[in-house]
C-alpha cells in the first residue's frame, strides 16, 4: 500500500513540476516579448562589430587581434555578403574576394 502511495505522490509531483516549468516558460515569453526587437538589433550590431574585427585587416584597417581573428574568417565567409550589404557596401570591399 505504501508503494502505491509513493507512486501516486511521485506522479503528482511530476505533473506539478511540469506545470510550473510551463508556467515559467510562458511568463518569460510574456516578459521578454516587448524587448525581442531591441535584443535582436543589439545582437546584430554586436555581430557586425565582430565581423568588422575579423575582416578589418583584409580591408586595410589595422587590427591588433588579427592573429586571433584570422582563423575565424572561413567560418564567417557565408555571412560576409549579408554583412557588407547591411554596412552599405554594394560590392565586396575586398579586392581578392568576390561574394556577389
C-alpha atoms as a PDB file:
ATOM      1  CA  UNK A   1       0.000   0.000   0.000  1.00  0.00           C
ATOM      2  CA  UNK A   2       2.804   2.373   0.841  1.00  0.00           C
ATOM      3  CA  UNK A   3       4.370   1.664  -2.567  1.00  0.00           C
ATOM      4  CA  UNK A   4       1.154   2.727  -4.377  1.00  0.00           C
ATOM      5  CA  UNK A   5       1.011   5.931  -2.329  1.00  0.00           C
ATOM      6  CA  UNK A   6       4.627   6.764  -3.266  1.00  0.00           C
ATOM      7  CA  UNK A   7       3.908   6.230  -6.977  1.00  0.00           C
ATOM      8  CA  UNK A   8       0.781   8.419  -6.818  1.00  0.00           C
ATOM      9  CA  UNK A   9       2.653  11.114  -4.884  1.00  0.00           C
ATOM     10  CA  UNK A  10       5.577  10.933  -7.352  1.00  0.00           C
ATOM     11  CA  UNK A  11       3.366  11.293 -10.417  1.00  0.00           C
ATOM     12  CA  UNK A  12       1.526  14.203  -8.800  1.00  0.00           C
ATOM     13  CA  UNK A  13       4.861  15.919  -8.112  1.00  0.00           C
ATOM     14  CA  UNK A  14       5.939  15.355 -11.719  1.00  0.00           C
ATOM     15  CA  UNK A  15       2.713  16.923 -13.005  1.00  0.00           C
ATOM     16  CA  UNK A  16       3.059  19.932 -10.711  1.00  0.00           C
ATOM     17  CA  UNK A  17       6.712  20.290 -11.727  1.00  0.00           C
ATOM     18  CA  UNK A  18       5.791  20.139 -15.419  1.00  0.00           C
ATOM     19  CA  UNK A  19       3.038  22.720 -14.912  1.00  0.00           C
ATOM     20  CA  UNK A  20       5.412  25.057 -13.057  1.00  0.00           C
ATOM     21  CA  UNK A  21       8.012  24.673 -15.784  1.00  0.00           C
ATOM     22  CA  UNK A  22       5.451  25.533 -18.442  1.00  0.00           C
ATOM     23  CA  UNK A  23       4.149  28.493 -16.433  1.00  0.00           C
ATOM     24  CA  UNK A  24       7.715  29.787 -16.035  1.00  0.00           C
ATOM     25  CA  UNK A  25       8.282  29.483 -19.797  1.00  0.00           C
ATOM     26  CA  UNK A  26       5.124  31.460 -20.603  1.00  0.00           C
ATOM     27  CA  UNK A  27       5.931  34.129 -18.014  1.00  0.00           C
ATOM     28  CA  UNK A  28       9.401  34.601 -19.521  1.00  0.00           C
ATOM     29  CA  UNK A  29       7.935  34.812 -23.024  1.00  0.00           C
ATOM     30  CA  UNK A  30       5.383  37.429 -21.971  1.00  0.00           C
ATOM     31  CA  UNK A  31       8.033  39.491 -20.204  1.00  0.00           C
ATOM     32  CA  UNK A  32      10.616  39.352 -22.991  1.00  0.00           C
ATOM     33  CA  UNK A  33       8.192  39.792 -25.925  1.00  0.00           C
ATOM     34  CA  UNK A  34       8.335  43.589 -25.831  1.00  0.00           C
ATOM     35  CA  UNK A  35      12.152  43.592 -25.817  1.00  0.00           C
ATOM     36  CA  UNK A  36      12.677  40.986 -28.524  1.00  0.00           C
ATOM     37  CA  UNK A  37      13.251  43.558 -31.294  1.00  0.00           C
ATOM     38  CA  UNK A  38      15.731  45.582 -29.243  1.00  0.00           C
ATOM     39  CA  UNK A  39      17.609  42.434 -28.272  1.00  0.00           C
ATOM     40  CA  UNK A  40      17.760  41.309 -31.911  1.00  0.00           C
ATOM     41  CA  UNK A  41      19.111  44.727 -33.003  1.00  0.00           C
ATOM     42  CA  UNK A  42      21.732  44.711 -30.266  1.00  0.00           C
ATOM     43  CA  UNK A  43      22.803  41.192 -31.226  1.00  0.00           C
ATOM     44  CA  UNK A  44      23.026  42.185 -34.895  1.00  0.00           C
ATOM     45  CA  UNK A  45      25.111  45.263 -34.027  1.00  0.00           C
ATOM     46  CA  UNK A  46      27.423  43.112 -31.938  1.00  0.00           C
ATOM     47  CA  UNK A  47      27.750  40.616 -34.795  1.00  0.00           C
ATOM     48  CA  UNK A  48      28.530  43.468 -37.212  1.00  0.00           C
ATOM     49  CA  UNK A  49      31.305  44.743 -34.968  1.00  0.00           C
ATOM     50  CA  UNK A  50      32.714  41.244 -34.649  1.00  0.00           C
ATOM     51  CA  UNK A  51      32.614  40.815 -38.441  1.00  0.00           C
ATOM     52  CA  UNK A  52      34.487  44.111 -38.829  1.00  0.00           C
ATOM     53  CA  UNK A  53      37.151  42.916 -36.416  1.00  0.00           C
ATOM     54  CA  UNK A  54      37.571  39.635 -38.261  1.00  0.00           C
ATOM     55  CA  UNK A  55      37.854  41.162 -41.750  1.00  0.00           C
ATOM     56  CA  UNK A  56      39.406  44.545 -40.880  1.00  0.00           C
ATOM     57  CA  UNK A  57      42.969  43.523 -41.722  1.00  0.00           C
ATOM     58  CA  UNK A  58      41.851  42.494 -45.216  1.00  0.00           C
ATOM     59  CA  UNK A  59      40.228  45.932 -45.683  1.00  0.00           C
ATOM     60  CA  UNK A  60      43.359  47.812 -44.633  1.00  0.00           C
ATOM     61  CA  UNK A  61      42.281  48.685 -41.109  1.00  0.00           C
ATOM     62  CA  UNK A  62      44.959  47.792 -38.550  1.00  0.00           C
ATOM     63  CA  UNK A  63      43.714  45.111 -36.218  1.00  0.00           C
ATOM     64  CA  UNK A  64      45.676  44.291 -33.082  1.00  0.00           C
ATOM     65  CA  UNK A  65      43.853  40.964 -32.799  1.00  0.00           C
ATOM     66  CA  UNK A  66      44.496  39.869 -36.406  1.00  0.00           C
ATOM     67  CA  UNK A  67      46.343  36.736 -35.349  1.00  0.00           C
ATOM     68  CA  UNK A  68      43.352  35.525 -33.342  1.00  0.00           C
ATOM     69  CA  UNK A  69      40.656  36.518 -35.823  1.00  0.00           C
ATOM     70  CA  UNK A  70      42.384  35.035 -38.881  1.00  0.00           C
ATOM     71  CA  UNK A  71      41.204  31.529 -38.103  1.00  0.00           C
ATOM     72  CA  UNK A  72      37.587  32.737 -37.840  1.00  0.00           C
ATOM     73  CA  UNK A  73      37.403  34.047 -41.414  1.00  0.00           C
ATOM     74  CA  UNK A  74      36.425  30.739 -43.057  1.00  0.00           C
ATOM     75  CA  UNK A  75      33.601  30.337 -40.553  1.00  0.00           C
ATOM     76  CA  UNK A  76      32.178  33.790 -41.324  1.00  0.00           C
ATOM     77  CA  UNK A  77      32.506  33.806 -45.118  1.00  0.00           C
ATOM     78  CA  UNK A  78      28.910  32.652 -45.565  1.00  0.00           C
ATOM     79  CA  UNK A  79      27.620  35.663 -43.598  1.00  0.00           C
ATOM     80  CA  UNK A  80      30.039  38.157 -45.208  1.00  0.00           C
ATOM     81  CA  UNK A  81      27.731  39.099 -48.104  1.00  0.00           C
ATOM     82  CA  UNK A  82      24.783  39.987 -45.822  1.00  0.00           C
ATOM     83  CA  UNK A  83      27.139  41.952 -43.583  1.00  0.00           C
ATOM     84  CA  UNK A  84      28.687  44.160 -46.272  1.00  0.00           C
ATOM     85  CA  UNK A  85      25.231  44.841 -47.726  1.00  0.00           C
ATOM     86  CA  UNK A  86      23.991  45.913 -44.277  1.00  0.00           C
ATOM     87  CA  UNK A  87      27.024  48.182 -43.939  1.00  0.00           C
ATOM     88  CA  UNK A  88      26.021  49.974 -47.158  1.00  0.00           C
ATOM     89  CA  UNK A  89      28.630  48.460 -49.488  1.00  0.00           C
ATOM     90  CA  UNK A  90      27.057  47.270 -52.729  1.00  0.00           C
ATOM     91  CA  UNK A  91      30.025  45.112 -53.654  1.00  0.00           C
ATOM     92  CA  UNK A  92      32.540  43.248 -51.565  1.00  0.00           C
ATOM     93  CA  UNK A  93      35.118  45.659 -50.120  1.00  0.00           C
ATOM     94  CA  UNK A  94      37.818  43.046 -50.612  1.00  0.00           C
ATOM     95  CA  UNK A  95      39.559  43.106 -53.999  1.00  0.00           C
ATOM     96  CA  UNK A  96      40.609  39.470 -53.936  1.00  0.00           C
ATOM     97  CA  UNK A  97      37.368  38.136 -52.507  1.00  0.00           C
ATOM     98  CA  UNK A  98      34.172  38.138 -54.543  1.00  0.00           C
ATOM     99  CA  UNK A  99      30.925  37.150 -52.896  1.00  0.00           C
ATOM    100  CA  UNK A 100      28.421  38.963 -55.133  1.00  0.00           C
END
